[in-house]
Amino acid sequence: MARYRGPKSKIARKFREPLFGPDKALEKKNYPPGVHGPNKRRMKKSEYAVQLAEKQKAKYTYGILERQFSNMFKKANSKSGITGEILLQLCETRLDNVVFRLGVSPTRRGARQLVTHRHITVNGKLVNIPSYSLRVGDVVGIREKSKSLEVITNSLANENSVVEWLDWDRSNFSGKIVSLPTRDQISENIKEQLIVELYSK
């Protein structure tokens, strides 16, 4: 399964946002990477460059490659409603992202690994596909043998607040999708309209 394996701090500095979680390098050097440092005069970006950067930021945030992201946009565009919001809903309801949102893993990368290593169930059945698309009513759980894993127990011990569109059952180590997230419930700093404009050209 392909995924981005390059330097995380460099990407975070490029967008000046902690896309992969807390980053000390970003805190120390809150300016784009490059040999000329923070004093380099940066040319004004074109409209296309701004739109492309927003798409790249969304892809890095959710850990999605170009073909997957393009297919998700086509799916969002074919549905009735606001295309940009539907696109973000599709990103948010991926299995790896829901595992992250439930607090089972502190990062999306960690959540992806838990899924691929067969620690996660959907409606009682093992699913090892991070991009698996979930629907309202689906229940995401942790395999019985995996509930004592240190990485999972440590993450759950942090008492992370679960987002409004998910319901976490601590006694059963499972979470249910109670509704699709609205744009207000998606905390990511992504200007989805720019992505729609880019793909619509």
C-alpha atoms as a PDB file:
ATOM      1  CA  MET A   1       0.000   0.000   0.000  1.00  0.00           C
ATOM      2  CA  ALA A   2       1.561   3.256  -1.150  1.00  0.00           C
ATOM      3  CA  ARG A   3       1.803   6.247   1.146  1.00  0.00           C
ATOM      4  CA  TYR A   4       3.987   9.295   1.742  1.00  0.00           C
ATOM      5  CA  ARG A   5       7.203   8.259   3.516  1.00  0.00           C
ATOM      6  CA  GLY A   6       9.234  11.456   3.160  1.00  0.00           C
ATOM      7  CA  PRO A   7      10.310  14.016   5.779  1.00  0.00           C
ATOM      8  CA  LYS A   8       7.362  15.191   7.878  1.00  0.00           C
ATOM      9  CA  SER A   9       8.910  18.329   9.368  1.00  0.00           C
ATOM     10  CA  LYS A  10       9.821  19.678   5.943  1.00  0.00           C
ATOM     11  CA  ILE A  11       6.218  19.367   4.775  1.00  0.00           C
ATOM     12  CA  ALA A  12       4.905  20.901   8.001  1.00  0.00           C
ATOM     13  CA  ARG A  13       7.254  23.876   7.546  1.00  0.00           C
ATOM     14  CA  LYS A  14       6.207  24.239   3.916  1.00  0.00           C
ATOM     15  CA  PHE A  15       2.582  24.788   4.958  1.00  0.00           C
ATOM     16  CA  ARG A  16       3.476  26.321   8.352  1.00  0.00           C
ATOM     17  CA  GLU A  17       1.069  23.949  10.062  1.00  0.00           C
ATOM     18  CA  PRO A  18       1.634  20.797  12.191  1.00  0.00           C
ATOM     19  CA  LEU A  19       0.013  18.475   9.627  1.00  0.00           C
ATOM     20  CA  PHE A  20       1.455  15.338  11.226  1.00  0.00           C
ATOM     21  CA  GLY A  21       1.015  16.323  14.872  1.00  0.00           C
ATOM     22  CA  PRO A  22       3.182  18.410  17.256  1.00  0.00           C
ATOM     23  CA  ASP A  23       6.506  19.245  15.623  1.00  0.00           C
ATOM     24  CA  LYS A  24       9.480  20.840  17.424  1.00  0.00           C
ATOM     25  CA  ALA A  25      11.185  21.661  14.117  1.00  0.00           C
ATOM     26  CA  LEU A  26       8.150  23.710  13.062  1.00  0.00           C
ATOM     27  CA  GLU A  27       8.160  25.551  16.393  1.00  0.00           C
ATOM     28  CA  LYS A  28      11.832  26.472  16.013  1.00  0.00           C
ATOM     29  CA  LYS A  29      11.695  27.307  12.307  1.00  0.00           C
ATOM     30  CA  ASN A  30       8.239  28.618  11.461  1.00  0.00           C
ATOM     31  CA  TYR A  31       9.153  29.462   7.874  1.00  0.00           C
ATOM     32  CA  PRO A  32       9.339  27.444   4.622  1.00  0.00           C
ATOM     33  CA  PRO A  33      12.390  25.198   4.117  1.00  0.00           C
ATOM     34  CA  GLY A  34      15.221  26.299   1.850  1.00  0.00           C
ATOM     35  CA  VAL A  35      18.906  27.225   1.924  1.00  0.00           C
ATOM     36  CA  HIS A  36      18.189  30.962   2.129  1.00  0.00           C
ATOM     37  CA  GLY A  37      16.273  30.715   5.390  1.00  0.00           C
ATOM     38  CA  PRO A  38      13.547  33.109   6.563  1.00  0.00           C
ATOM     39  CA  ASN A  39      15.014  36.172   4.829  1.00  0.00           C
ATOM     40  CA  LYS A  40      14.437  34.976   1.279  1.00  0.00           C
ATOM     41  CA  ARG A  41      12.028  37.184  -0.650  1.00  0.00           C
ATOM     42  CA  ARG A  42       9.178  34.956  -1.712  1.00  0.00           C
ATOM     43  CA  MET A  43       7.385  35.704  -4.945  1.00  0.00           C
ATOM     44  CA  LYS A  44       3.620  36.155  -4.857  1.00  0.00           C
ATOM     45  CA  LYS A  45       1.924  32.860  -5.679  1.00  0.00           C
ATOM     46  CA  SER A  46      -0.339  32.525  -8.674  1.00  0.00           C
ATOM     47  CA  GLU A  47      -3.966  31.505  -8.268  1.00  0.00           C
ATOM     48  CA  TYR A  48      -3.133  28.025  -9.545  1.00  0.00           C
ATOM     49  CA  ALA A  49      -0.227  27.683  -7.083  1.00  0.00           C
ATOM     50  CA  VAL A  50      -2.486  28.621  -4.149  1.00  0.00           C
ATOM     51  CA  GLN A  51      -5.129  26.079  -5.224  1.00  0.00           C
ATOM     52  CA  LEU A  52      -2.520  23.355  -5.770  1.00  0.00           C
ATOM     53  CA  ALA A  53      -0.960  23.998  -2.357  1.00  0.00           C
ATOM     54  CA  GLU A  54      -4.377  23.634  -0.684  1.00  0.00           C
ATOM     55  CA  LYS A  55      -4.926  20.289  -2.408  1.00  0.00           C
ATOM     56  CA  GLN A  56      -1.468  19.089  -1.379  1.00  0.00           C
ATOM     57  CA  LYS A  57      -2.115  20.163   2.213  1.00  0.00           C
ATOM     58  CA  ALA A  58      -5.354  18.145   2.303  1.00  0.00           C
ATOM     59  CA  LYS A  59      -3.606  15.090   0.853  1.00  0.00           C
ATOM     60  CA  TYR A  60      -0.769  15.234   3.392  1.00  0.00           C
ATOM     61  CA  THR A  61      -3.188  15.860   6.268  1.00  0.00           C
ATOM     62  CA  TYR A  62      -5.268  12.759   5.582  1.00  0.00           C
ATOM     63  CA  GLY A  63      -2.459  10.615   4.140  1.00  0.00           C
ATOM     64  CA  ILE A  64      -4.070  10.191   0.716  1.00  0.00           C
ATOM     65  CA  LEU A  65      -2.238   9.850  -2.599  1.00  0.00           C
ATOM     66  CA  GLU A  66      -3.189  11.658  -5.808  1.00  0.00           C
ATOM     67  CA  ARG A  67      -5.217   8.952  -7.543  1.00  0.00           C
ATOM     68  CA  GLN A  68      -7.242   8.210  -4.410  1.00  0.00           C
ATOM     69  CA  PHE A  69      -7.867  11.900  -3.824  1.00  0.00           C
ATOM     70  CA  SER A  70      -8.893  12.460  -7.436  1.00  0.00           C
ATOM     71  CA  ASN A  71     -11.356   9.559  -7.250  1.00  0.00           C
ATOM     72  CA  MET A  72     -12.774  10.937  -4.006  1.00  0.00           C
ATOM     73  CA  PHE A  73     -13.330  14.304  -5.659  1.00  0.00           C
ATOM     74  CA  LYS A  74     -15.176  12.644  -8.559  1.00  0.00           C
ATOM     75  CA  LYS A  75     -17.359  10.791  -6.061  1.00  0.00           C
ATOM     76  CA  ALA A  76     -18.048  14.012  -4.125  1.00  0.00           C
ATOM     77  CA  ASN A  77     -18.780  15.914  -7.328  1.00  0.00           C
ATOM     78  CA  SER A  78     -21.334  13.313  -8.413  1.00  0.00           C
ATOM     79  CA  LYS A  79     -23.359  13.697  -5.213  1.00  0.00           C
ATOM     80  CA  SER A  80     -25.933  16.409  -4.565  1.00  0.00           C
ATOM     81  CA  GLY A  81     -24.798  19.056  -2.106  1.00  0.00           C
ATOM     82  CA  ILE A  82     -21.721  21.213  -1.567  1.00  0.00           C
ATOM     83  CA  THR A  83     -18.872  19.384  -3.299  1.00  0.00           C
ATOM     84  CA  GLY A  84     -16.116  20.699  -1.031  1.00  0.00           C
ATOM     85  CA  GLU A  85     -17.942  19.726   2.152  1.00  0.00           C
ATOM     86  CA  ILE A  86     -18.773  16.268   0.793  1.00  0.00           C
ATOM     87  CA  LEU A  87     -15.101  15.801  -0.136  1.00  0.00           C
ATOM     88  CA  LEU A  88     -14.040  16.534   3.435  1.00  0.00           C
ATOM     89  CA  GLN A  89     -16.754  14.188   4.731  1.00  0.00           C
ATOM     90  CA  LEU A  90     -15.314  11.399   2.575  1.00  0.00           C
ATOM     91  CA  CYS A  91     -11.865  12.124   4.018  1.00  0.00           C
ATOM     92  CA  GLU A  92     -13.163  12.186   7.578  1.00  0.00           C
ATOM     93  CA  THR A  93     -15.120   8.920   7.280  1.00  0.00           C
ATOM     94  CA  ARG A  94     -12.123   6.883   6.113  1.00  0.00           C
ATOM     95  CA  LEU A  95     -11.439   4.116   8.629  1.00  0.00           C
ATOM     96  CA  ASP A  96      -7.930   5.315   9.530  1.00  0.00           C
ATOM     97  CA  ASN A  97      -9.190   8.846  10.205  1.00  0.00           C
ATOM     98  CA  VAL A  98     -12.095   7.621  12.366  1.00  0.00           C
ATOM     99  CA  VAL A  99      -9.691   5.495  14.448  1.00  0.00           C
ATOM    100  CA  PHE A 100      -7.623   8.666  14.946  1.00  0.00           C
ATOM    101  CA  ARG A 101     -10.680  10.786  15.799  1.00  0.00           C
ATOM    102  CA  LEU A 102     -11.820   8.225  18.382  1.00  0.00           C
ATOM    103  CA  GLY A 103      -8.516   8.644  20.195  1.00  0.00           C
ATOM    104  CA  VAL A 104      -7.398   5.053  19.660  1.00  0.00           C
ATOM    105  CA  SER A 105      -4.201   6.443  18.092  1.00  0.00           C
ATOM    106  CA  PRO A 106      -2.575   9.855  18.647  1.00  0.00           C
ATOM    107  CA  THR A 107      -1.788  10.276  14.926  1.00  0.00           C
ATOM    108  CA  ARG A 108      -3.325   9.322  11.590  1.00  0.00           C
ATOM    109  CA  ARG A 109      -0.167   7.440  10.655  1.00  0.00           C
ATOM    110  CA  GLY A 110      -0.453   5.396  13.819  1.00  0.00           C
ATOM    111  CA  ALA A 111      -4.138   4.760  13.128  1.00  0.00           C
ATOM    112  CA  ARG A 112      -3.289   3.576   9.621  1.00  0.00           C
ATOM    113  CA  GLN A 113      -0.770   1.125  11.068  1.00  0.00           C
ATOM    114  CA  LEU A 114      -3.296  -0.243  13.561  1.00  0.00           C
ATOM    115  CA  VAL A 115      -5.733  -0.867  10.713  1.00  0.00           C
ATOM    116  CA  THR A 116      -3.221  -2.563   8.403  1.00  0.00           C
ATOM    117  CA  HIS A 117      -1.979  -4.751  11.276  1.00  0.00           C
ATOM    118  CA  ARG A 118      -5.518  -6.066  11.793  1.00  0.00           C
ATOM    119  CA  HIS A 119      -6.221  -4.556  15.213  1.00  0.00           C
ATOM    120  CA  ILE A 120      -9.449  -2.794  14.160  1.00  0.00           C
ATOM    121  CA  THR A 121     -12.940  -4.155  13.498  1.00  0.00           C
ATOM    122  CA  VAL A 122     -15.948  -2.670  11.716  1.00  0.00           C
ATOM    123  CA  ASN A 123     -19.342  -4.009  12.806  1.00  0.00           C
ATOM    124  CA  GLY A 124     -17.570  -6.945  14.456  1.00  0.00           C
ATOM    125  CA  LYS A 125     -15.469  -7.941  11.432  1.00  0.00           C
ATOM    126  CA  LEU A 126     -11.737  -7.369  10.975  1.00  0.00           C
ATOM    127  CA  VAL A 127     -10.946  -4.727   8.351  1.00  0.00           C
ATOM    128  CA  ASN A 128      -7.353  -3.962   7.340  1.00  0.00           C
ATOM    129  CA  ILE A 129      -8.011  -1.360   4.635  1.00  0.00           C
ATOM    130  CA  PRO A 130      -7.232   2.191   5.897  1.00  0.00           C
ATOM    131  CA  SER A 131      -9.257   3.812   3.106  1.00  0.00           C
ATOM    132  CA  TYR A 132     -12.371   1.771   3.955  1.00  0.00           C
ATOM    133  CA  SER A 133     -15.324   4.158   3.763  1.00  0.00           C
ATOM    134  CA  LEU A 134     -17.625   4.140   6.794  1.00  0.00           C
ATOM    135  CA  ARG A 135     -21.305   5.033   6.947  1.00  0.00           C
ATOM    136  CA  VAL A 136     -23.640   6.375   9.615  1.00  0.00           C
ATOM    137  CA  GLY A 137     -24.421   3.557  12.074  1.00  0.00           C
ATOM    138  CA  ASP A 138     -21.148   1.674  11.558  1.00  0.00           C
ATOM    139  CA  VAL A 139     -19.391   0.598  14.755  1.00  0.00           C
ATOM    140  CA  VAL A 140     -15.588   0.716  14.878  1.00  0.00           C
ATOM    141  CA  GLY A 141     -14.008  -1.455  17.563  1.00  0.00           C
ATOM    142  CA  ILE A 142     -10.701  -2.877  18.729  1.00  0.00           C
ATOM    143  CA  ARG A 143     -10.005  -6.579  18.313  1.00  0.00           C
ATOM    144  CA  GLU A 144     -10.254  -8.402  21.649  1.00  0.00           C
ATOM    145  CA  LYS A 145      -6.603  -9.481  21.645  1.00  0.00           C
ATOM    146  CA  SER A 146      -5.465  -5.937  20.851  1.00  0.00           C
ATOM    147  CA  LYS A 147      -7.267  -4.051  23.651  1.00  0.00           C
ATOM    148  CA  SER A 148      -4.253  -4.390  25.944  1.00  0.00           C
ATOM    149  CA  LEU A 149      -1.737  -3.038  23.402  1.00  0.00           C
ATOM    150  CA  GLU A 150       0.383  -0.335  25.045  1.00  0.00           C
ATOM    151  CA  VAL A 151       0.068   2.063  22.112  1.00  0.00           C
ATOM    152  CA  ILE A 152      -3.738   1.878  22.323  1.00  0.00           C
ATOM    153  CA  THR A 153      -4.054   2.065  26.115  1.00  0.00           C
ATOM    154  CA  ASN A 154      -1.639   5.018  26.271  1.00  0.00           C
ATOM    155  CA  SER A 155      -3.563   6.901  23.607  1.00  0.00           C
ATOM    156  CA  LEU A 156      -6.943   6.275  25.257  1.00  0.00           C
ATOM    157  CA  ALA A 157      -5.512   7.298  28.642  1.00  0.00           C
ATOM    158  CA  ASN A 158      -4.940  10.821  27.345  1.00  0.00           C
ATOM    159  CA  GLU A 159      -8.683  11.522  27.583  1.00  0.00           C
ATOM    160  CA  ASN A 160      -8.872  13.086  24.130  1.00  0.00           C
ATOM    161  CA  SER A 161     -12.264  14.612  23.451  1.00  0.00           C
ATOM    162  CA  VAL A 162     -14.129  12.684  20.749  1.00  0.00           C
ATOM    163  CA  VAL A 163     -15.708  14.762  17.974  1.00  0.00           C
ATOM    164  CA  GLU A 164     -19.467  15.397  18.014  1.00  0.00           C
ATOM    165  CA  TRP A 165     -20.324  13.077  15.130  1.00  0.00           C
ATOM    166  CA  LEU A 166     -18.794  10.046  16.874  1.00  0.00           C
ATOM    167  CA  ASP A 167     -19.920   8.259  20.028  1.00  0.00           C
ATOM    168  CA  TRP A 168     -17.221   6.438  22.025  1.00  0.00           C
ATOM    169  CA  ASP A 169     -18.196   3.566  24.324  1.00  0.00           C
ATOM    170  CA  ARG A 170     -15.286   3.262  26.759  1.00  0.00           C
ATOM    171  CA  SER A 171     -16.579   0.038  28.362  1.00  0.00           C
ATOM    172  CA  ASN A 172     -16.628  -1.824  25.029  1.00  0.00           C
ATOM    173  CA  PHE A 173     -13.702  -0.047  23.359  1.00  0.00           C
ATOM    174  CA  SER A 174     -15.879   0.861  20.389  1.00  0.00           C
ATOM    175  CA  GLY A 175     -17.105   3.951  18.622  1.00  0.00           C
ATOM    176  CA  LYS A 176     -20.194   4.552  16.517  1.00  0.00           C
ATOM    177  CA  ILE A 177     -20.710   7.004  13.665  1.00  0.00           C
ATOM    178  CA  VAL A 178     -23.867   8.847  14.699  1.00  0.00           C
ATOM    179  CA  SER A 179     -23.901  11.316  11.795  1.00  0.00           C
ATOM    180  CA  LEU A 180     -21.822  12.679   8.945  1.00  0.00           C
ATOM    181  CA  PRO A 181     -19.641  15.594  10.077  1.00  0.00           C
ATOM    182  CA  THR A 182     -20.759  19.092   9.102  1.00  0.00           C
ATOM    183  CA  ARG A 183     -18.137  21.580   7.962  1.00  0.00           C
ATOM    184  CA  ASP A 184     -18.229  23.260  11.374  1.00  0.00           C
ATOM    185  CA  GLN A 185     -17.351  19.940  13.028  1.00  0.00           C
ATOM    186  CA  ILE A 186     -14.238  19.426  10.878  1.00  0.00           C
ATOM    187  CA  SER A 187     -11.366  21.203  12.598  1.00  0.00           C
ATOM    188  CA  GLU A 188      -8.825  20.937   9.789  1.00  0.00           C
ATOM    189  CA  ASN A 189      -7.657  24.252   8.346  1.00  0.00           C
ATOM    190  CA  ILE A 190      -8.444  23.399   4.720  1.00  0.00           C
ATOM    191  CA  LYS A 191     -10.026  25.773   2.202  1.00  0.00           C
ATOM    192  CA  GLU A 192     -11.954  23.119   0.298  1.00  0.00           C
ATOM    193  CA  GLN A 193     -13.375  25.615  -2.210  1.00  0.00           C
ATOM    194  CA  LEU A 194      -9.871  26.151  -3.624  1.00  0.00           C
ATOM    195  CA  ILE A 195      -9.585  22.390  -4.225  1.00  0.00           C
ATOM    196  CA  VAL A 196     -12.942  22.361  -6.009  1.00  0.00           C
ATOM    197  CA  GLU A 197     -11.830  25.257  -8.217  1.00  0.00           C
ATOM    198  CA  LEU A 198      -8.575  23.449  -9.050  1.00  0.00           C
ATOM    199  CA  TYR A 199     -10.297  20.228 -10.134  1.00  0.00           C
ATOM    200  CA  SER A 200     -12.997  22.147 -12.003  1.00  0.00           C
ATOM    201  CA  LYS A 201     -10.523  23.729 -14.444  1.00  0.00           C
END
